[in-house]
Amino acid sequence: MDYKKTKAPKTTITRDLNQLTEKVGNVYETVAIIGKRSNQIASSLKKELDTKLQDFAMPQDTLDDTFENREQIEISRSYEILPKPTLIATQELLDDELVFRIGSKDDQLK
């Protein structure tokens, strides 16, 4: 998914708790679902950023020989201005783009 085209706000906004919980039915399960999805988004963004920054990696990098690369800075800044993974996951839940399953108590005992 292209997180640069998300409709999620870039700053934290106040949400209606009833609107968030109507899809799941429980506040705690809603928070758990959003938390798990935000962890997935954060890890995929980290992998994507790491692969883009691998082009600039030099094998003999030391602290003394570090220099600024304008392209590397631009890539890092583009990821810094993205909405936080929690905000993206919350927006996905509100837009019905998030698919989740809640197991029954019988599934948890097995």
PDB file of N, CA and C in Angstrom:
ATOM      1  N   MET A   1       0.837  -1.178   0.000  1.00  0.00           N
ATOM      2  CA  MET A   1       0.000   0.000   0.000  1.00  0.00           C
ATOM      3  C   MET A   1       0.879   1.236   0.000  1.00  0.00           C
ATOM      4  N   ASP A   2       0.427   2.239  -0.716  1.00  0.00           N
ATOM      5  CA  ASP A   2       1.179   3.488  -0.779  1.00  0.00           C
ATOM      6  C   ASP A   2       0.703   4.404   0.341  1.00  0.00           C
ATOM      7  N   TYR A   3       1.507   4.506   1.374  1.00  0.00           N
ATOM      8  CA  TYR A   3       1.122   5.293   2.542  1.00  0.00           C
ATOM      9  C   TYR A   3       1.243   6.786   2.297  1.00  0.00           C
ATOM     10  N   LYS A   4       1.879   7.180   1.202  1.00  0.00           N
ATOM     11  CA  LYS A   4       2.017   8.595   0.893  1.00  0.00           C
ATOM     12  C   LYS A   4       0.705   9.182   0.377  1.00  0.00           C
ATOM     13  N   LYS A   5      -0.211   8.315  -0.070  1.00  0.00           N
ATOM     14  CA  LYS A   5      -1.487   8.776  -0.608  1.00  0.00           C
ATOM     15  C   LYS A   5      -2.640   8.540   0.360  1.00  0.00           C
ATOM     16  N   THR A   6      -2.340   8.298   1.609  1.00  0.00           N
ATOM     17  CA  THR A   6      -3.376   8.032   2.597  1.00  0.00           C
ATOM     18  C   THR A   6      -4.129   9.309   2.959  1.00  0.00           C
ATOM     19  N   LYS A   7      -5.372   9.133   3.376  1.00  0.00           N
ATOM     20  CA  LYS A   7      -6.195  10.271   3.782  1.00  0.00           C
ATOM     21  C   LYS A   7      -6.083  10.543   5.283  1.00  0.00           C
ATOM     22  N   ALA A   8      -5.187   9.859   5.945  1.00  0.00           N
ATOM     23  CA  ALA A   8      -5.037  10.024   7.393  1.00  0.00           C
ATOM     24  C   ALA A   8      -4.485  11.411   7.704  1.00  0.00           C
ATOM     25  N   PRO A   9      -4.961  12.013   8.793  1.00  0.00           N
ATOM     26  CA  PRO A   9      -4.435  13.335   9.171  1.00  0.00           C
ATOM     27  C   PRO A   9      -2.991  13.223   9.646  1.00  0.00           C
ATOM     28  N   LYS A  10      -2.244  14.292   9.471  1.00  0.00           N
ATOM     29  CA  LYS A  10      -0.835  14.276   9.873  1.00  0.00           C
ATOM     30  C   LYS A  10      -0.647  14.638  11.342  1.00  0.00           C
ATOM     31  N   THR A  11      -1.683  15.144  11.964  1.00  0.00           N
ATOM     32  CA  THR A  11      -1.620  15.472  13.380  1.00  0.00           C
ATOM     33  C   THR A  11      -2.704  14.693  14.121  1.00  0.00           C
ATOM     34  N   THR A  12      -2.553  14.603  15.395  1.00  0.00           N
ATOM     35  CA  THR A  12      -3.518  13.889  16.214  1.00  0.00           C
ATOM     36  C   THR A  12      -4.797  14.706  16.339  1.00  0.00           C
ATOM     37  N   ILE A  13      -5.928  14.049  16.125  1.00  0.00           N
ATOM     38  CA  ILE A  13      -7.215  14.712  16.267  1.00  0.00           C
ATOM     39  C   ILE A  13      -8.069  13.924  17.254  1.00  0.00           C
ATOM     40  N   THR A  14      -9.066  14.583  17.795  1.00  0.00           N
ATOM     41  CA  THR A  14      -9.968  13.932  18.730  1.00  0.00           C
ATOM     42  C   THR A  14     -10.957  13.080  17.941  1.00  0.00           C
ATOM     43  N   ARG A  15     -11.112  11.842  18.349  1.00  0.00           N
ATOM     44  CA  ARG A  15     -12.016  10.912  17.669  1.00  0.00           C
ATOM     45  C   ARG A  15     -13.224  10.623  18.540  1.00  0.00           C
ATOM     46  N   ASP A  16     -14.349  10.342  17.899  1.00  0.00           N
ATOM     47  CA  ASP A  16     -15.537   9.907  18.604  1.00  0.00           C
ATOM     48  C   ASP A  16     -15.365   8.431  18.947  1.00  0.00           C
ATOM     49  N   LEU A  17     -15.337   8.120  20.206  1.00  0.00           N
ATOM     50  CA  LEU A  17     -15.105   6.756  20.659  1.00  0.00           C
ATOM     51  C   LEU A  17     -16.206   5.808  20.196  1.00  0.00           C
ATOM     52  N   ASN A  18     -17.434   6.286  20.148  1.00  0.00           N
ATOM     53  CA  ASN A  18     -18.539   5.445  19.685  1.00  0.00           C
ATOM     54  C   ASN A  18     -18.383   5.068  18.221  1.00  0.00           C
ATOM     55  N   GLN A  19     -17.889   5.997  17.424  1.00  0.00           N
ATOM     56  CA  GLN A  19     -17.675   5.727  16.006  1.00  0.00           C
ATOM     57  C   GLN A  19     -16.570   4.687  15.814  1.00  0.00           C
ATOM     58  N   LEU A  20     -15.537   4.733  16.631  1.00  0.00           N
ATOM     59  CA  LEU A  20     -14.447   3.764  16.535  1.00  0.00           C
ATOM     60  C   LEU A  20     -14.883   2.365  16.959  1.00  0.00           C
ATOM     61  N   THR A  21     -15.690   2.287  18.002  1.00  0.00           N
ATOM     62  CA  THR A  21     -16.033   0.980  18.562  1.00  0.00           C
ATOM     63  C   THR A  21     -17.249   0.335  17.922  1.00  0.00           C
ATOM     64  N   GLU A  22     -17.973   1.026  17.064  1.00  0.00           N
ATOM     65  CA  GLU A  22     -19.176   0.427  16.491  1.00  0.00           C
ATOM     66  C   GLU A  22     -18.857  -0.734  15.540  1.00  0.00           C
ATOM     67  N   LYS A  23     -17.699  -0.741  14.932  1.00  0.00           N
ATOM     68  CA  LYS A  23     -17.336  -1.832  14.024  1.00  0.00           C
ATOM     69  C   LYS A  23     -16.907  -3.090  14.780  1.00  0.00           C
ATOM     70  N   VAL A  24     -16.304  -2.911  15.944  1.00  0.00           N
ATOM     71  CA  VAL A  24     -15.776  -4.035  16.717  1.00  0.00           C
ATOM     72  C   VAL A  24     -16.687  -4.365  17.899  1.00  0.00           C
ATOM     73  N   GLY A  25     -17.180  -3.345  18.571  1.00  0.00           N
ATOM     74  CA  GLY A  25     -18.072  -3.557  19.691  1.00  0.00           C
ATOM     75  C   GLY A  25     -17.412  -3.441  21.049  1.00  0.00           C
ATOM     76  N   ASN A  26     -16.100  -3.375  21.083  1.00  0.00           N
ATOM     77  CA  ASN A  26     -15.389  -3.328  22.353  1.00  0.00           C
ATOM     78  C   ASN A  26     -14.221  -2.356  22.207  1.00  0.00           C
ATOM     79  N   VAL A  27     -14.064  -1.465  23.168  1.00  0.00           N
ATOM     80  CA  VAL A  27     -13.004  -0.462  23.116  1.00  0.00           C
ATOM     81  C   VAL A  27     -11.629  -1.115  23.133  1.00  0.00           C
ATOM     82  N   TYR A  28     -11.451  -2.105  23.984  1.00  0.00           N
ATOM     83  CA  TYR A  28     -10.145  -2.729  24.158  1.00  0.00           C
ATOM     84  C   TYR A  28      -9.731  -3.527  22.920  1.00  0.00           C
ATOM     85  N   GLU A  29     -10.702  -4.217  22.313  1.00  0.00           N
ATOM     86  CA  GLU A  29     -10.391  -4.944  21.080  1.00  0.00           C
ATOM     87  C   GLU A  29     -10.097  -3.986  19.941  1.00  0.00           C
ATOM     88  N   THR A  30     -10.793  -2.852  19.912  1.00  0.00           N
ATOM     89  CA  THR A  30     -10.531  -1.839  18.889  1.00  0.00           C
ATOM     90  C   THR A  30      -9.115  -1.304  19.019  1.00  0.00           C
ATOM     91  N   VAL A  31      -8.700  -1.005  20.235  1.00  0.00           N
ATOM     92  CA  VAL A  31      -7.341  -0.505  20.473  1.00  0.00           C
ATOM     93  C   VAL A  31      -6.308  -1.570  20.099  1.00  0.00           C
ATOM     94  N   ALA A  32      -6.587  -2.828  20.418  1.00  0.00           N
ATOM     95  CA  ALA A  32      -5.663  -3.911  20.079  1.00  0.00           C
ATOM     96  C   ALA A  32      -5.536  -4.068  18.566  1.00  0.00           C
ATOM     97  N   ILE A  33      -6.660  -3.978  17.855  1.00  0.00           N
ATOM     98  CA  ILE A  33      -6.634  -4.105  16.395  1.00  0.00           C
ATOM     99  C   ILE A  33      -5.850  -2.960  15.772  1.00  0.00           C
ATOM    100  N   ILE A  34      -6.118  -1.735  16.222  1.00  0.00           N
ATOM    101  CA  ILE A  34      -5.395  -0.568  15.694  1.00  0.00           C
ATOM    102  C   ILE A  34      -3.908  -0.673  16.033  1.00  0.00           C
ATOM    103  N   GLY A  35      -3.587  -1.150  17.231  1.00  0.00           N
ATOM    104  CA  GLY A  35      -2.185  -1.302  17.631  1.00  0.00           C
ATOM    105  C   GLY A  35      -1.446  -2.317  16.788  1.00  0.00           C
ATOM    106  N   LYS A  36      -2.080  -3.452  16.524  1.00  0.00           N
ATOM    107  CA  LYS A  36      -1.427  -4.480  15.708  1.00  0.00           C
ATOM    108  C   LYS A  36      -1.228  -3.998  14.280  1.00  0.00           C
ATOM    109  N   ARG A  37      -2.236  -3.315  13.728  1.00  0.00           N
ATOM    110  CA  ARG A  37      -2.106  -2.814  12.368  1.00  0.00           C
ATOM    111  C   ARG A  37      -1.048  -1.711  12.296  1.00  0.00           C
ATOM    112  N   SER A  38      -0.975  -0.860  13.298  1.00  0.00           N
ATOM    113  CA  SER A  38       0.036   0.199  13.271  1.00  0.00           C
ATOM    114  C   SER A  38       1.447  -0.384  13.368  1.00  0.00           C
ATOM    115  N   ASN A  39       1.614  -1.484  14.097  1.00  0.00           N
ATOM    116  CA  ASN A  39       2.919  -2.160  14.131  1.00  0.00           C
ATOM    117  C   ASN A  39       3.275  -2.718  12.760  1.00  0.00           C
ATOM    118  N   GLN A  40       2.291  -3.274  12.050  1.00  0.00           N
ATOM    119  CA  GLN A  40       2.534  -3.770  10.698  1.00  0.00           C
ATOM    120  C   GLN A  40       2.937  -2.635   9.759  1.00  0.00           C
ATOM    121  N   ILE A  41       2.234  -1.522   9.857  1.00  0.00           N
ATOM    122  CA  ILE A  41       2.542  -0.368   9.002  1.00  0.00           C
ATOM    123  C   ILE A  41       3.925   0.171   9.315  1.00  0.00           C
ATOM    124  N   ALA A  42       4.257   0.289  10.591  1.00  0.00           N
ATOM    125  CA  ALA A  42       5.567   0.818  10.985  1.00  0.00           C
ATOM    126  C   ALA A  42       6.692  -0.073  10.485  1.00  0.00           C
ATOM    127  N   SER A  43       6.520  -1.383  10.584  1.00  0.00           N
ATOM    128  CA  SER A  43       7.584  -2.277  10.126  1.00  0.00           C
ATOM    129  C   SER A  43       7.723  -2.244   8.606  1.00  0.00           C
ATOM    130  N   SER A  44       6.609  -2.131   7.881  1.00  0.00           N
ATOM    131  CA  SER A  44       6.725  -2.056   6.427  1.00  0.00           C
ATOM    132  C   SER A  44       7.338  -0.732   5.987  1.00  0.00           C
ATOM    133  N   LEU A  45       7.016   0.357   6.672  1.00  0.00           N
ATOM    134  CA  LEU A  45       7.651   1.639   6.348  1.00  0.00           C
ATOM    135  C   LEU A  45       9.144   1.608   6.646  1.00  0.00           C
ATOM    136  N   LYS A  46       9.516   0.966   7.737  1.00  0.00           N
ATOM    137  CA  LYS A  46      10.938   0.856   8.090  1.00  0.00           C
ATOM    138  C   LYS A  46      11.692   0.045   7.050  1.00  0.00           C
ATOM    139  N   LYS A  47      11.126  -1.074   6.612  1.00  0.00           N
ATOM    140  CA  LYS A  47      11.774  -1.890   5.582  1.00  0.00           C
ATOM    141  C   LYS A  47      11.918  -1.109   4.284  1.00  0.00           C
ATOM    142  N   GLU A  48      10.861  -0.380   3.918  1.00  0.00           N
ATOM    143  CA  GLU A  48      10.889   0.404   2.686  1.00  0.00           C
ATOM    144  C   GLU A  48      11.953   1.495   2.749  1.00  0.00           C
ATOM    145  N   LEU A  49      12.038   2.171   3.876  1.00  0.00           N
ATOM    146  CA  LEU A  49      13.048   3.222   4.052  1.00  0.00           C
ATOM    147  C   LEU A  49      14.452   2.630   4.049  1.00  0.00           C
ATOM    148  N   ASP A  50      14.628   1.496   4.718  1.00  0.00           N
ATOM    149  CA  ASP A  50      15.947   0.860   4.762  1.00  0.00           C
ATOM    150  C   ASP A  50      16.419   0.445   3.371  1.00  0.00           C
ATOM    151  N   THR A  51      15.516  -0.069   2.545  1.00  0.00           N
ATOM    152  CA  THR A  51      15.918  -0.466   1.193  1.00  0.00           C
ATOM    153  C   THR A  51      16.297   0.749   0.351  1.00  0.00           C
ATOM    154  N   LYS A  52      15.588   1.859   0.535  1.00  0.00           N
ATOM    155  CA  LYS A  52      15.933   3.069  -0.215  1.00  0.00           C
ATOM    156  C   LYS A  52      17.259   3.659   0.246  1.00  0.00           C
ATOM    157  N   LEU A  53      17.553   3.539   1.546  1.00  0.00           N
ATOM    158  CA  LEU A  53      18.797   4.111   2.069  1.00  0.00           C
ATOM    159  C   LEU A  53      20.000   3.198   1.848  1.00  0.00           C
ATOM    160  N   GLN A  54      19.779   1.941   1.471  1.00  0.00           N
ATOM    161  CA  GLN A  54      20.883   1.025   1.185  1.00  0.00           C
ATOM    162  C   GLN A  54      21.726   1.511   0.008  1.00  0.00           C
ATOM    163  N   ASP A  55      21.119   2.263  -0.905  1.00  0.00           N
ATOM    164  CA  ASP A  55      21.861   2.789  -2.049  1.00  0.00           C
ATOM    165  C   ASP A  55      22.966   3.749  -1.621  1.00  0.00           C
ATOM    166  N   PHE A  56      22.775   4.381  -0.470  1.00  0.00           N
ATOM    167  CA  PHE A  56      23.733   5.374  -0.004  1.00  0.00           C
ATOM    168  C   PHE A  56      24.741   4.811   0.987  1.00  0.00           C
ATOM    169  N   ALA A  57      24.586   3.560   1.356  1.00  0.00           N
ATOM    170  CA  ALA A  57      25.475   2.961   2.357  1.00  0.00           C
ATOM    171  C   ALA A  57      26.852   2.715   1.752  1.00  0.00           C
ATOM    172  N   MET A  58      27.860   3.055   2.521  1.00  0.00           N
ATOM    173  CA  MET A  58      29.242   2.802   2.123  1.00  0.00           C
ATOM    174  C   MET A  58      29.838   1.811   3.106  1.00  0.00           C
ATOM    175  N   PRO A  59      30.567   0.826   2.626  1.00  0.00           N
ATOM    176  CA  PRO A  59      31.084  -0.198   3.538  1.00  0.00           C
ATOM    177  C   PRO A  59      32.093   0.330   4.551  1.00  0.00           C
ATOM    178  N   GLN A  60      32.822   1.390   4.256  1.00  0.00           N
ATOM    179  CA  GLN A  60      33.839   1.892   5.174  1.00  0.00           C
ATOM    180  C   GLN A  60      33.337   3.076   5.988  1.00  0.00           C
ATOM    181  N   ASP A  61      32.026   3.157   6.201  1.00  0.00           N
ATOM    182  CA  ASP A  61      31.470   4.252   6.997  1.00  0.00           C
ATOM    183  C   ASP A  61      31.977   4.195   8.437  1.00  0.00           C
ATOM    184  N   THR A  62      32.462   5.287   8.903  1.00  0.00           N
ATOM    185  CA  THR A  62      32.811   5.448  10.311  1.00  0.00           C
ATOM    186  C   THR A  62      32.207   6.761  10.773  1.00  0.00           C
ATOM    187  N   LEU A  63      32.275   7.013  12.034  1.00  0.00           N
ATOM    188  CA  LEU A  63      31.717   8.259  12.546  1.00  0.00           C
ATOM    189  C   LEU A  63      32.490   9.478  12.052  1.00  0.00           C
ATOM    190  N   ASP A  64      33.773   9.322  11.826  1.00  0.00           N
ATOM    191  CA  ASP A  64      34.590  10.452  11.376  1.00  0.00           C
ATOM    192  C   ASP A  64      34.374  10.764   9.899  1.00  0.00           C
ATOM    193  N   ASP A  65      34.038   9.759   9.104  1.00  0.00           N
ATOM    194  CA  ASP A  65      33.922   9.940   7.664  1.00  0.00           C
ATOM    195  C   ASP A  65      32.483  10.177   7.199  1.00  0.00           C
ATOM    196  N   THR A  66      31.565  10.385   8.114  1.00  0.00           N
ATOM    197  CA  THR A  66      30.172  10.586   7.743  1.00  0.00           C
ATOM    198  C   THR A  66      30.007  11.962   7.117  1.00  0.00           C
ATOM    199  N   PHE A  67      29.315  11.998   5.993  1.00  0.00           N
ATOM    200  CA  PHE A  67      29.042  13.269   5.343  1.00  0.00           C
ATOM    201  C   PHE A  67      27.575  13.304   4.938  1.00  0.00           C
ATOM    202  N   GLU A  68      27.082  14.489   4.693  1.00  0.00           N
ATOM    203  CA  GLU A  68      25.683  14.661   4.354  1.00  0.00           C
ATOM    204  C   GLU A  68      25.467  14.436   2.860  1.00  0.00           C
ATOM    205  N   ASN A  69      24.442  13.694   2.564  1.00  0.00           N
ATOM    206  CA  ASN A  69      24.058  13.453   1.188  1.00  0.00           C
ATOM    207  C   ASN A  69      22.665  14.044   1.014  1.00  0.00           C
ATOM    208  N   ARG A  70      22.513  14.967   0.101  1.00  0.00           N
ATOM    209  CA  ARG A  70      21.263  15.679  -0.078  1.00  0.00           C
ATOM    210  C   ARG A  70      20.116  14.734  -0.441  1.00  0.00           C
ATOM    211  N   GLU A  71      20.333  13.764  -1.295  1.00  0.00           N
ATOM    212  CA  GLU A  71      19.279  12.821  -1.677  1.00  0.00           C
ATOM    213  C   GLU A  71      18.839  11.979  -0.486  1.00  0.00           C
ATOM    214  N   GLN A  72      19.782  11.575   0.318  1.00  0.00           N
ATOM    215  CA  GLN A  72      19.473  10.776   1.503  1.00  0.00           C
ATOM    216  C   GLN A  72      18.625  11.597   2.488  1.00  0.00           C
ATOM    217  N   ILE A  73      18.943  12.856   2.629  1.00  0.00           N
ATOM    218  CA  ILE A  73      18.186  13.730   3.515  1.00  0.00           C
ATOM    219  C   ILE A  73      16.771  13.925   2.990  1.00  0.00           C
ATOM    220  N   GLU A  74      16.615  14.074   1.691  1.00  0.00           N
ATOM    221  CA  GLU A  74      15.286  14.258   1.099  1.00  0.00           C
ATOM    222  C   GLU A  74      14.418  13.017   1.302  1.00  0.00           C
ATOM    223  N   ILE A  75      15.001  11.837   1.149  1.00  0.00           N
ATOM    224  CA  ILE A  75      14.254  10.596   1.365  1.00  0.00           C
ATOM    225  C   ILE A  75      13.818  10.495   2.824  1.00  0.00           C
ATOM    226  N   SER A  76      14.715  10.800   3.724  1.00  0.00           N
ATOM    227  CA  SER A  76      14.378  10.738   5.148  1.00  0.00           C
ATOM    228  C   SER A  76      13.288  11.742   5.507  1.00  0.00           C
ATOM    229  N   ARG A  77      13.356  12.925   4.956  1.00  0.00           N
ATOM    230  CA  ARG A  77      12.339  13.945   5.243  1.00  0.00           C
ATOM    231  C   ARG A  77      10.974  13.535   4.701  1.00  0.00           C
ATOM    232  N   SER A  78      10.961  12.894   3.529  1.00  0.00           N
ATOM    233  CA  SER A  78       9.670  12.482   2.972  1.00  0.00           C
ATOM    234  C   SER A  78       8.980  11.464   3.870  1.00  0.00           C
ATOM    235  N   TYR A  79       9.756  10.625   4.554  1.00  0.00           N
ATOM    236  CA  TYR A  79       9.163   9.659   5.477  1.00  0.00           C
ATOM    237  C   TYR A  79       8.810  10.304   6.815  1.00  0.00           C
ATOM    238  N   GLU A  80       9.492  11.361   7.177  1.00  0.00           N
ATOM    239  CA  GLU A  80       9.192  12.034   8.436  1.00  0.00           C
ATOM    240  C   GLU A  80       7.873  12.786   8.384  1.00  0.00           C
ATOM    241  N   ILE A  81       7.466  13.264   7.206  1.00  0.00           N
ATOM    242  CA  ILE A  81       6.231  14.031   7.106  1.00  0.00           C
ATOM    243  C   ILE A  81       5.003  13.145   6.935  1.00  0.00           C
ATOM    244  N   LEU A  82       5.193  11.854   6.783  1.00  0.00           N
ATOM    245  CA  LEU A  82       4.055  10.945   6.677  1.00  0.00           C
ATOM    246  C   LEU A  82       3.288  10.908   8.001  1.00  0.00           C
ATOM    247  N   PRO A  83       1.994  10.618   7.944  1.00  0.00           N
ATOM    248  CA  PRO A  83       1.249  10.458   9.200  1.00  0.00           C
ATOM    249  C   PRO A  83       1.803   9.281  10.001  1.00  0.00           C
ATOM    250  N   LYS A  84       1.627   9.332  11.295  1.00  0.00           N
ATOM    251  CA  LYS A  84       2.093   8.246  12.160  1.00  0.00           C
ATOM    252  C   LYS A  84       1.323   6.969  11.849  1.00  0.00           C
ATOM    253  N   PRO A  85       1.953   5.816  12.030  1.00  0.00           N
ATOM    254  CA  PRO A  85       1.281   4.542  11.730  1.00  0.00           C
ATOM    255  C   PRO A  85      -0.033   4.351  12.488  1.00  0.00           C
ATOM    256  N   THR A  86      -0.135   4.865  13.691  1.00  0.00           N
ATOM    257  CA  THR A  86      -1.377   4.747  14.457  1.00  0.00           C
ATOM    258  C   THR A  86      -2.504   5.523  13.788  1.00  0.00           C
ATOM    259  N   LEU A  87      -2.193   6.695  13.260  1.00  0.00           N
ATOM    260  CA  LEU A  87      -3.206   7.495  12.574  1.00  0.00           C
ATOM    261  C   LEU A  87      -3.635   6.836  11.270  1.00  0.00           C
ATOM    262  N   ILE A  88      -2.694   6.214  10.573  1.00  0.00           N
ATOM    263  CA  ILE A  88      -3.030   5.509   9.336  1.00  0.00           C
ATOM    264  C   ILE A  88      -3.930   4.315   9.638  1.00  0.00           C
ATOM    265  N   ALA A  89      -3.595   3.555  10.685  1.00  0.00           N
ATOM    266  CA  ALA A  89      -4.391   2.385  11.054  1.00  0.00           C
ATOM    267  C   ALA A  89      -5.793   2.797  11.498  1.00  0.00           C
ATOM    268  N   THR A  90      -5.916   3.880  12.232  1.00  0.00           N
ATOM    269  CA  THR A  90      -7.226   4.360  12.663  1.00  0.00           C
ATOM    270  C   THR A  90      -8.062   4.782  11.466  1.00  0.00           C
ATOM    271  N   GLN A  91      -7.452   5.449  10.510  1.00  0.00           N
ATOM    272  CA  GLN A  91      -8.172   5.869   9.311  1.00  0.00           C
ATOM    273  C   GLN A  91      -8.605   4.666   8.489  1.00  0.00           C
ATOM    274  N   GLU A  92      -7.758   3.648   8.420  1.00  0.00           N
ATOM    275  CA  GLU A  92      -8.132   2.418   7.717  1.00  0.00           C
ATOM    276  C   GLU A  92      -9.336   1.755   8.380  1.00  0.00           C
ATOM    277  N   LEU A  93      -9.379   1.753   9.696  1.00  0.00           N
ATOM    278  CA  LEU A  93     -10.513   1.174  10.421  1.00  0.00           C
ATOM    279  C   LEU A  93     -11.786   1.958  10.132  1.00  0.00           C
ATOM    280  N   LEU A  94     -11.699   3.281  10.145  1.00  0.00           N
ATOM    281  CA  LEU A  94     -12.875   4.109   9.892  1.00  0.00           C
ATOM    282  C   LEU A  94     -13.365   4.009   8.457  1.00  0.00           C
ATOM    283  N   ASP A  95     -12.449   3.794   7.506  1.00  0.00           N
ATOM    284  CA  ASP A  95     -12.809   3.703   6.085  1.00  0.00           C
ATOM    285  C   ASP A  95     -13.158   2.280   5.649  1.00  0.00           C
ATOM    286  N   ASP A  96     -13.251   1.362   6.594  1.00  0.00           N
ATOM    287  CA  ASP A  96     -13.549  -0.057   6.307  1.00  0.00           C
ATOM    288  C   ASP A  96     -12.521  -0.702   5.380  1.00  0.00           C
ATOM    289  N   GLU A  97     -11.283  -0.268   5.451  1.00  0.00           N
ATOM    290  CA  GLU A  97     -10.202  -0.860   4.669  1.00  0.00           C
ATOM    291  C   GLU A  97      -9.430  -1.896   5.476  1.00  0.00           C
ATOM    292  N   LEU A  98      -9.738  -2.002   6.747  1.00  0.00           N
ATOM    293  CA  LEU A  98      -9.018  -2.886   7.656  1.00  0.00           C
ATOM    294  C   LEU A  98      -9.833  -4.157   7.861  1.00  0.00           C
ATOM    295  N   VAL A  99      -9.208  -5.297   7.589  1.00  0.00           N
ATOM    296  CA  VAL A  99      -9.872  -6.579   7.763  1.00  0.00           C
ATOM    297  C   VAL A  99      -9.299  -7.245   9.002  1.00  0.00           C
ATOM    298  N   PHE A 100     -10.173  -7.703   9.881  1.00  0.00           N
ATOM    299  CA  PHE A 100      -9.722  -8.341  11.113  1.00  0.00           C
ATOM    300  C   PHE A 100     -10.669  -9.472  11.466  1.00  0.00           C
ATOM    301  N   ARG A 101     -10.159 -10.414  12.235  1.00  0.00           N
ATOM    302  CA  ARG A 101     -10.959 -11.520  12.748  1.00  0.00           C
ATOM    303  C   ARG A 101     -10.770 -11.585  14.245  1.00  0.00           C
ATOM    304  N   ILE A 102     -11.874 -11.803  14.926  1.00  0.00           N
ATOM    305  CA  ILE A 102     -11.813 -11.973  16.369  1.00  0.00           C
ATOM    306  C   ILE A 102     -12.196 -13.416  16.649  1.00  0.00           C
ATOM    307  N   GLY A 103     -11.265 -14.159  17.213  1.00  0.00           N
ATOM    308  CA  GLY A 103     -11.517 -15.559  17.501  1.00  0.00           C
ATOM    309  C   GLY A 103     -12.494 -15.727  18.642  1.00  0.00           C
ATOM    310  N   SER A 104     -13.176 -16.858  18.651  1.00  0.00           N
ATOM    311  CA  SER A 104     -14.096 -17.132  19.753  1.00  0.00           C
ATOM    312  C   SER A 104     -13.308 -17.666  20.944  1.00  0.00           C
ATOM    313  N   LYS A 105     -13.961 -17.771  22.072  1.00  0.00           N
ATOM    314  CA  LYS A 105     -13.288 -18.267  23.268  1.00  0.00           C
ATOM    315  C   LYS A 105     -12.892 -19.729  23.101  1.00  0.00           C
ATOM    316  N   ASP A 106     -13.636 -20.487  22.298  1.00  0.00           N
ATOM    317  CA  ASP A 106     -13.274 -21.886  22.047  1.00  0.00           C
ATOM    318  C   ASP A 106     -11.950 -21.986  21.288  1.00  0.00           C
ATOM    319  N   ASP A 107     -11.709 -21.031  20.340  1.00  0.00           N
ATOM    320  CA  ASP A 107     -10.452 -21.025  19.588  1.00  0.00           C
ATOM    321  C   ASP A 107      -9.280 -20.691  20.483  1.00  0.00           C
ATOM    322  N   GLN A 108      -9.500 -19.847  21.469  1.00  0.00           N
ATOM    323  CA  GLN A 108      -8.418 -19.425  22.350  1.00  0.00           C
ATOM    324  C   GLN A 108      -8.003 -20.535  23.315  1.00  0.00           C
ATOM    325  N   LEU A 109      -8.931 -21.440  23.645  1.00  0.00           N
ATOM    326  CA  LEU A 109      -8.615 -22.504  24.600  1.00  0.00           C
ATOM    327  C   LEU A 109      -7.835 -23.638  23.959  1.00  0.00           C
ATOM    328  N   LYS A 110      -7.907 -23.773  22.662  1.00  0.00           N
ATOM    329  CA  LYS A 110      -7.249 -24.896  21.975  1.00  0.00           C
ATOM    330  C   LYS A 110      -5.784 -24.666  21.785  1.00  0.00           C
TER     331      LYS A 110
END
